[in-house]
Protein backbone atom coordinates (compact mmCIF):
# COMPACT_ATOMS: atom_id res chain seq x y z
CA MET A 1 19.98 19.27 -19.45
CA THR A 2 21.98 19.01 -15.74
CA ALA A 3 19.90 16.76 -14.21
CA ARG A 4 20.53 13.09 -13.54
CA ILE A 5 17.67 10.96 -14.95
CA ILE A 6 16.19 8.49 -12.57
CA ASP A 7 15.65 5.55 -14.56
CA GLY A 8 12.58 3.85 -13.26
CA LYS A 9 12.86 0.72 -15.82
CA VAL A 10 16.24 0.16 -14.34
CA ILE A 11 15.21 0.44 -10.85
CA ALA A 12 12.08 -1.71 -10.98
CA SER A 13 14.04 -4.50 -13.03
CA GLU A 14 15.78 -4.51 -10.36
CA LEU A 15 13.39 -4.83 -7.93
CA ARG A 16 11.58 -7.81 -9.41
CA ALA A 17 14.90 -9.59 -9.51
CA HIS A 18 15.46 -9.27 -5.81
CA VAL A 19 11.33 -10.30 -5.23
CA ALA A 20 12.32 -13.14 -7.54
CA ASP A 21 14.75 -14.07 -5.42
CA GLU A 22 13.07 -13.24 -1.86
CA VAL A 23 9.62 -16.08 -3.55
CA ALA A 24 11.99 -18.61 -4.26
CA GLN A 25 13.49 -18.55 -0.82
CA VAL A 26 10.13 -18.62 0.66
CA LYS A 27 8.94 -21.55 -1.43
CA ARG A 28 12.28 -23.80 -1.00
CA GLU A 29 12.65 -22.74 3.15
CA HIS A 30 8.09 -22.68 3.42
CA GLN A 31 6.44 -24.39 0.90
CA LEU A 32 4.68 -21.30 -0.07
CA THR A 33 3.97 -19.65 -3.28
CA PRO A 34 2.63 -16.19 -3.08
CA GLY A 35 -0.89 -15.95 -4.97
CA LEU A 36 -1.97 -13.00 -6.82
CA ALA A 37 -5.86 -12.50 -8.20
CA VAL A 38 -6.57 -9.64 -10.32
CA VAL A 39 -9.88 -9.08 -11.14
CA LEU A 40 -10.76 -6.56 -14.31
CA VAL A 41 -14.29 -5.36 -15.28
CA GLY A 42 -15.46 -4.59 -18.63
CA ASN A 43 -12.68 -4.19 -21.55
CA ASP A 44 -10.94 -0.50 -20.94
CA PRO A 45 -8.09 -0.78 -23.04
CA ALA A 46 -5.76 0.79 -20.82
CA SER A 47 -6.68 -1.63 -17.97
CA GLU A 48 -6.46 -4.43 -19.99
CA VAL A 49 -2.68 -3.32 -20.83
CA TYR A 50 -1.62 -2.91 -17.13
CA VAL A 51 -3.55 -6.36 -15.98
CA ARG A 52 -1.20 -8.60 -18.82
CA SER A 53 1.59 -6.54 -17.46
CA LYS A 54 0.27 -7.44 -13.83
CA HIS A 55 0.01 -11.21 -14.98
CA THR A 56 3.71 -11.60 -16.68
CA GLN A 57 5.67 -10.14 -14.18
CA THR A 58 3.53 -12.17 -11.61
CA GLN A 59 4.56 -15.30 -13.45
CA ALA A 60 8.12 -13.80 -14.22
CA ALA A 61 9.19 -13.23 -10.18
CA GLY A 62 7.81 -17.19 -9.55
CA MET A 63 3.96 -16.47 -7.90
CA ALA A 64 0.93 -17.49 -8.82
CA SER A 65 -1.32 -15.39 -11.24
CA PHE A 66 -4.75 -15.72 -10.69
CA GLU A 67 -6.86 -13.66 -13.32
CA HIS A 68 -10.22 -13.10 -13.32
CA LYS A 69 -12.08 -11.02 -16.02
CA LEU A 70 -16.00 -10.14 -15.45
CA PRO A 71 -18.75 -8.28 -18.36
CA ALA A 72 -18.77 -4.30 -17.83
CA ASP A 73 -22.79 -4.79 -16.98
CA VAL A 74 -21.57 -7.14 -14.15
CA ALA A 75 -23.83 -7.10 -11.25
CA GLN A 76 -22.39 -5.59 -8.08
CA ALA A 77 -23.33 -8.64 -5.88
CA ASP A 78 -21.65 -11.29 -8.05
CA LEU A 79 -18.47 -8.92 -7.79
CA LEU A 80 -19.03 -8.91 -4.47
CA ALA A 81 -19.19 -12.65 -4.47
CA LEU A 82 -16.04 -12.72 -6.19
CA ILE A 83 -14.00 -10.90 -4.12
CA ALA A 84 -15.28 -12.90 -0.82
CA LYS A 85 -14.45 -16.15 -2.66
CA LEU A 86 -10.63 -14.86 -2.89
CA ASN A 87 -10.89 -13.59 0.39
CA GLY A 88 -11.39 -16.78 1.49
CA ASP A 89 -8.87 -18.70 -1.14
CA PRO A 90 -5.56 -19.54 0.86
CA ALA A 91 -4.12 -20.13 -2.46
CA VAL A 92 -4.83 -16.33 -2.62
CA HIS A 93 -2.81 -13.65 -1.04
CA GLY A 94 -3.12 -10.59 -2.51
CA ILE A 95 -6.38 -9.34 -4.32
CA LEU A 96 -6.05 -6.55 -6.74
CA VAL A 97 -9.55 -4.94 -8.36
CA GLN A 98 -8.17 -3.13 -11.01
CA LEU A 99 -9.91 0.42 -11.36
CA PRO A 100 -11.57 2.74 -12.54
CA LEU A 101 -14.49 0.73 -12.44
CA PRO A 102 -17.82 0.82 -14.42
CA LYS A 103 -20.07 3.77 -12.98
CA SER A 104 -23.14 0.88 -12.05
CA ILE A 105 -20.91 -0.61 -9.48
CA HIS A 106 -20.29 1.49 -6.17
CA THR A 107 -15.94 1.45 -5.57
CA GLU A 108 -15.92 2.10 -2.33
CA THR A 109 -18.13 -0.62 -1.26
CA ILE A 110 -15.62 -3.35 -3.90
CA ILE A 111 -12.46 -1.78 -2.08
CA ASN A 112 -14.40 -2.04 1.51
CA ALA A 113 -14.77 -6.11 0.77
CA ILE A 114 -11.32 -6.81 0.18
CA ASP A 115 -9.56 -8.19 3.47
CA PRO A 116 -7.28 -6.06 4.26
CA ALA A 117 -4.43 -8.59 4.65
CA LYS A 118 -4.25 -9.28 1.46
CA ASP A 119 -5.29 -5.78 -0.10
CA VAL A 120 -2.37 -5.38 -2.34
CA ASP A 121 -3.38 -2.04 -3.64
CA GLY A 122 -3.62 -0.26 -0.19
CA LEU A 123 -6.60 1.36 -0.53
CA HIS A 124 -8.87 -0.76 2.02
CA PRO A 125 -9.48 1.88 4.97
CA ASN A 126 -7.68 -0.17 7.56
CA ASN A 127 -4.68 -0.38 5.78
CA ALA A 128 -5.08 3.90 5.30
CA GLY A 129 -5.50 4.29 8.61
CA ARG A 130 -2.73 1.70 9.97
CA LEU A 131 -0.46 3.91 7.39
CA ALA A 132 -1.89 7.20 8.90
CA GLY A 133 -0.69 6.19 12.30
CA GLY A 134 2.56 5.30 11.71
CA PHE A 135 1.83 1.64 11.67
CA ALA A 136 3.05 -1.20 9.87
CA ALA A 137 0.22 -1.75 7.06
CA LEU A 138 0.05 -2.71 3.04
CA SER A 139 0.47 0.68 1.08
CA PRO A 140 -0.50 1.89 -2.36
CA CYS A 141 2.08 0.65 -5.26
CA THR A 142 2.73 4.06 -6.55
CA PRO A 143 3.27 6.09 -3.84
CA LEU A 144 5.28 3.22 -2.75
CA GLY A 145 7.54 3.29 -5.88
CA CYS A 146 8.30 6.94 -5.50
CA ILE A 147 9.92 6.64 -2.17
CA ILE A 148 12.02 3.87 -4.02
CA LEU A 149 13.50 6.18 -6.64
CA SER A 150 13.84 9.15 -4.74
CA LYS A 151 16.00 6.69 -2.00
CA SER A 152 18.00 5.97 -5.14
CA VAL A 153 19.29 9.20 -5.03
CA HIS A 154 19.39 10.16 -1.52
CA ALA A 155 20.22 7.57 1.03
CA SER A 156 18.00 8.83 3.26
CA LEU A 157 15.31 11.40 2.88
CA GLU A 158 15.50 12.57 6.84
CA GLY A 159 15.23 16.33 7.48
CA MET A 160 14.50 16.77 3.74
CA ASN A 161 11.76 19.17 2.49
CA ALA A 162 9.10 17.63 0.76
CA ILE A 163 6.18 19.21 -1.57
CA VAL A 164 3.18 16.39 -2.33
CA ILE A 165 1.06 18.14 -5.22
CA GLY A 166 -2.09 16.06 -5.12
CA ARG A 167 -4.55 14.47 -2.76
CA SER A 168 -5.44 11.98 -4.28
CA ASN A 169 -6.47 8.59 -2.17
CA LEU A 170 -4.03 6.84 -4.51
CA VAL A 171 -1.08 8.66 -4.53
CA GLY A 172 -1.28 11.95 -2.63
CA ARG A 173 -2.55 11.12 1.15
CA PRO A 174 -0.49 8.03 1.56
CA LEU A 175 2.93 9.31 -0.53
CA VAL A 176 2.55 12.21 2.43
CA GLN A 177 2.83 9.44 5.18
CA LEU A 178 5.56 7.40 4.08
CA LEU A 179 7.32 10.07 3.68
CA LEU A 180 6.87 11.37 7.37
CA ASN A 181 7.42 7.61 8.05
CA GLU A 182 10.88 8.51 6.07
CA ASN A 183 11.32 11.95 8.93
CA ALA A 184 10.67 13.90 5.99
CA THR A 185 8.96 17.96 6.32
CA VAL A 186 6.32 17.35 4.23
CA THR A 187 3.84 20.05 2.44
CA ILE A 188 0.61 18.90 0.74
CA ALA A 189 -0.49 21.22 -1.96
CA HIS A 190 -3.29 21.13 -3.85
CA SER A 191 -5.92 22.37 -6.17
CA ARG A 192 -6.86 25.32 -3.98
CA SER A 193 -3.27 26.01 -2.61
CA LYS A 194 -2.24 29.45 -3.11
CA ASP A 195 1.54 30.50 -4.30
CA LEU A 196 2.52 27.13 -5.33
CA PRO A 197 5.24 27.67 -6.94
CA GLN A 198 6.56 29.51 -3.63
CA LEU A 199 6.33 26.68 -1.94
CA CYS A 200 7.71 24.03 -4.49
CA ALA A 201 11.02 26.36 -4.78
CA ARG A 202 11.36 25.66 -0.91
CA ALA A 203 11.35 21.77 -1.76
CA ASP A 204 14.44 19.38 -1.72
CA LEU A 205 11.83 17.11 -2.98
CA VAL A 206 9.03 17.62 -5.65
CA TYR A 207 6.70 15.10 -6.31
CA ALA A 208 4.16 15.99 -8.70
CA ALA A 209 0.24 13.92 -8.86
CA VAL A 210 -1.97 16.81 -9.75
CA GLY A 211 -3.00 15.22 -14.03
CA LYS A 212 -1.92 18.66 -15.59
CA PRO A 213 0.38 18.38 -18.23
CA GLU A 214 3.61 19.93 -17.62
CA MET A 215 2.13 22.07 -15.09
CA VAL A 216 5.64 22.24 -12.62
CA ARG A 217 7.95 25.04 -14.40
CA ALA A 218 11.64 25.50 -14.09
CA ASP A 219 11.21 28.21 -12.22
CA TRP A 220 8.90 26.58 -9.70
CA ILE A 221 12.35 24.13 -8.41
CA LYS A 222 15.01 24.89 -6.27
CA PRO A 223 18.33 24.10 -8.23
CA GLY A 224 19.44 20.80 -7.57
CA ALA A 225 16.16 19.19 -6.04
CA THR A 226 14.64 15.85 -6.80
CA VAL A 227 11.71 15.86 -8.97
CA ILE A 228 9.20 12.73 -9.19
CA ASP A 229 6.59 12.85 -11.70
CA VAL A 230 3.82 10.05 -11.27
CA GLY A 231 1.55 12.26 -13.95
CA ILE A 232 0.75 10.53 -17.47
CA ASN A 233 -0.67 12.81 -19.69
CA ARG A 234 -1.89 11.69 -23.59
CA LEU A 235 -1.35 14.86 -25.58
CA PRO A 236 -1.45 15.11 -29.32
CA GLY A 237 1.20 14.28 -31.34
CA ALA A 238 2.89 14.10 -34.88
CA GLU A 239 0.46 12.52 -37.36
CA GLY A 240 -2.33 11.96 -35.47
CA LYS A 241 -0.94 10.01 -32.27
CA THR A 242 -0.62 11.05 -28.96
CA ARG A 243 2.48 11.54 -27.19
CA LEU A 244 2.41 11.11 -23.16
CA VAL A 245 4.23 13.46 -20.89
CA GLY A 246 4.41 14.09 -17.27
CA ASP A 247 2.74 16.79 -14.59
CA VAL A 248 6.27 18.40 -15.06
CA ALA A 249 7.89 20.04 -17.89
CA PHE A 250 10.41 17.86 -18.65
CA LYS A 251 12.85 19.64 -20.96
CA GLU A 252 13.24 22.96 -18.87
CA VAL A 253 12.86 21.21 -15.14
CA SER A 254 15.74 18.74 -15.79
CA ASP A 255 18.01 21.97 -16.45
CA VAL A 256 17.08 23.23 -12.94
CA ALA A 257 16.84 19.67 -11.18
CA GLY A 258 19.66 17.89 -9.49
CA ALA A 259 17.31 14.57 -10.97
CA ILE A 260 14.56 13.61 -12.30
CA THR A 261 11.92 11.19 -13.38
CA PRO A 262 11.10 10.96 -16.98
CA VAL A 263 7.53 10.29 -18.50
CA PRO A 264 7.77 7.21 -19.44
CA GLY A 265 10.26 5.54 -18.05
CA GLY A 266 9.73 6.90 -14.68
CA VAL A 267 7.26 6.64 -11.63
CA GLY A 268 5.17 4.20 -13.67
CA GLN A 269 7.57 1.64 -13.80
CA MET A 270 7.63 1.06 -10.18
CA THR A 271 3.86 0.49 -9.74
CA VAL A 272 3.95 -3.01 -10.64
CA ALA A 273 7.27 -3.74 -9.42
CA CYS A 274 5.96 -2.76 -5.64
CA LEU A 275 2.50 -4.52 -6.49
CA LEU A 276 5.03 -7.66 -6.45
CA VAL A 277 6.51 -6.34 -3.44
CA ASN A 278 3.16 -6.56 -1.72
CA THR A 279 2.52 -9.36 -2.70
CA LEU A 280 4.91 -11.25 -1.32
CA ARG A 281 4.99 -8.97 1.95
CA ALA A 282 0.94 -10.19 2.39
CA ALA A 283 1.97 -13.47 1.53
CA CYS A 284 4.40 -13.51 4.43
CA ALA A 285 2.07 -11.94 6.97
CA ILE A 286 -0.59 -13.84 6.24
CA LYS A 287 1.45 -16.95 6.87
CA GLY A 288 3.14 -15.60 10.05
CA LEU A 289 6.58 -15.78 8.28
CA PRO A 290 9.44 -12.64 8.89
CA LYS A 291 8.59 -9.97 7.02
CA PRO A 292 10.76 -10.17 3.50
CA GLY A 293 14.22 -8.49 2.51
CA VAL A 294 12.10 -6.23 -0.08
């Protein structure tokens, strides 16, 4: 293995500590306690784990944490009523509705109901449009984490050739916009792209966010490239257990890449940390305070 391992756990820990310092400062100087409300519908085990982690880390950063757990059969009107209440609550500066939602709930309607100023998931059309236009916006947490991890390797991404594999609204599309804001040259690839290995082989930065286990192979990678693996896939493991793998064949790609994120321990660690960043930024913007230094 020749690649540098980008330790998302360490970088996320440093980011959370920086957020906590900034939160303490706005509390001290402006009597402002940023507040995050997380709404969980149903009892999806993975979602419950994420929500617990968010609650713990929000409180550890000195923020107020508000949890709302609703049954899977909740009426859409009742969920919309809760969002309207949170929109109007001055103690709440960030609202996150945990996805996926039950099939009986129209996800787009729920996302559109969130006040864009409190949309710390960065999915509201207002925020997506502002990001696409190059304006200040709350951006989705995972792409934001990808940029921070990339900049732990490269002081500047300006002029670098980047490829994003995957075009989801949650990761691929906003990541392209964030890379453009960093003045990178960006290719967005997907399931219909032709000659994908050749496209990747030209890239200095490779972001794999397609949801296909170990799809990206060593011969796709330009020697010395930085590889950010967003994928989280569960495969059968020993003794009936499952194992986590990314969208990148980690072991073989590590022999070619200059730097690479592991799965687990890479991008996933950054998502909640960036949620705290977004909540702090939202709180400061709502109160008319200067943008915090994170």
